[in-house]
Protein backbone atom coordinates (compact mmCIF):
# COMPACT_ATOMS: atom_id res chain seq x y z
CA UNK A 1 -14.08 -0.49 -41.80
CA UNK A 2 -10.87 -0.60 -40.54
CA UNK A 3 -8.07 1.31 -42.02
CA UNK A 4 -6.16 -1.33 -43.69
CA UNK A 5 -9.50 -2.59 -45.45
CA UNK A 6 -10.00 0.93 -46.68
CA UNK A 7 -6.58 1.22 -47.90
CA UNK A 8 -6.64 -1.96 -49.76
CA UNK A 9 -9.86 -0.93 -51.42
CA UNK A 10 -8.54 2.37 -52.23
CA UNK A 11 -5.39 0.66 -53.78
CA UNK A 12 -7.27 -1.96 -55.81
CA UNK A 13 -9.49 1.15 -57.71
CA UNK A 14 -6.01 2.84 -58.33
CA UNK A 15 -4.66 2.80 -61.94
CA UNK A 16 -0.63 2.18 -63.04
CA UNK A 17 0.12 5.56 -62.73
CA UNK A 18 -1.16 5.91 -59.10
CA UNK A 19 -0.18 2.57 -58.11
CA UNK A 20 3.66 3.65 -59.27
CA UNK A 21 3.17 7.01 -57.19
CA UNK A 22 2.00 5.09 -54.15
CA UNK A 23 4.91 2.79 -54.62
CA UNK A 24 7.33 5.75 -54.46
CA UNK A 25 5.83 6.68 -51.41
CA UNK A 26 5.78 3.36 -49.85
CA UNK A 27 9.35 3.22 -50.81
CA UNK A 28 10.29 6.41 -49.22
CA UNK A 29 8.15 5.56 -45.85
CA UNK A 30 10.40 2.18 -45.58
CA UNK A 31 13.69 4.67 -46.17
CA UNK A 32 12.37 6.93 -43.54
CA UNK A 33 11.73 4.39 -41.14
CA UNK A 34 15.27 2.61 -41.54
CA UNK A 35 16.44 6.39 -40.80
CA UNK A 36 14.77 6.19 -37.43
CA UNK A 37 15.63 2.75 -36.69
CA UNK A 38 19.31 3.38 -37.33
CA UNK A 39 19.13 6.63 -34.90
CA UNK A 40 17.62 4.53 -32.28
CA UNK A 41 20.17 2.02 -32.14
CA UNK A 42 22.10 1.65 -29.16
CA UNK A 43 24.76 4.27 -28.72
CA UNK A 44 28.10 3.32 -27.46
CA UNK A 45 28.71 4.99 -23.83
CA UNK A 46 32.43 6.35 -23.42
CA UNK A 47 34.44 4.27 -20.60
CA UNK A 48 34.66 7.66 -18.85
CA UNK A 49 31.13 7.63 -18.34
CA UNK A 50 31.04 4.01 -17.16
CA UNK A 51 33.95 4.66 -14.67
CA UNK A 52 32.22 7.60 -13.57
CA UNK A 53 28.59 5.72 -12.85
CA UNK A 54 30.48 2.62 -11.35
CA UNK A 55 32.43 4.66 -9.18
CA UNK A 56 29.62 5.55 -6.67
CA UNK A 57 29.16 2.02 -5.86
CA UNK A 58 29.86 0.85 -2.54
CA UNK A 59 30.00 -3.20 -3.54
CA UNK A 60 32.81 -5.20 -5.23
CA UNK A 61 31.51 -6.36 -8.63
CA UNK A 62 34.08 -8.78 -9.19
CA UNK A 63 32.93 -10.66 -5.95
CA UNK A 64 29.42 -10.31 -6.88
CA UNK A 65 30.20 -11.94 -10.33
CA UNK A 66 32.46 -14.81 -8.49
CA UNK A 67 29.53 -15.78 -6.22
CA UNK A 68 26.84 -15.41 -9.00
CA UNK A 69 28.68 -17.93 -11.28
CA UNK A 70 30.30 -20.41 -8.33
CA UNK A 71 27.24 -22.79 -9.02
CA UNK A 72 28.56 -23.14 -12.80
CA UNK A 73 31.53 -24.47 -11.65
């Protein structure tokens, strides 16, 4: 039996008090999941860091972009 089936069967056998507790647990899990998701969102990189990373590049980025977009004109 798969875990979802086991959980479903157990929930079906619960009384109302147990269901209320289960619902509270589910709500807590959802809040925890949202916190994790929020913390994993893309973080802003400071401009100094971007400049530092891009300074080592030997190519001219603007020319590369112009060449890539030339067919759109």
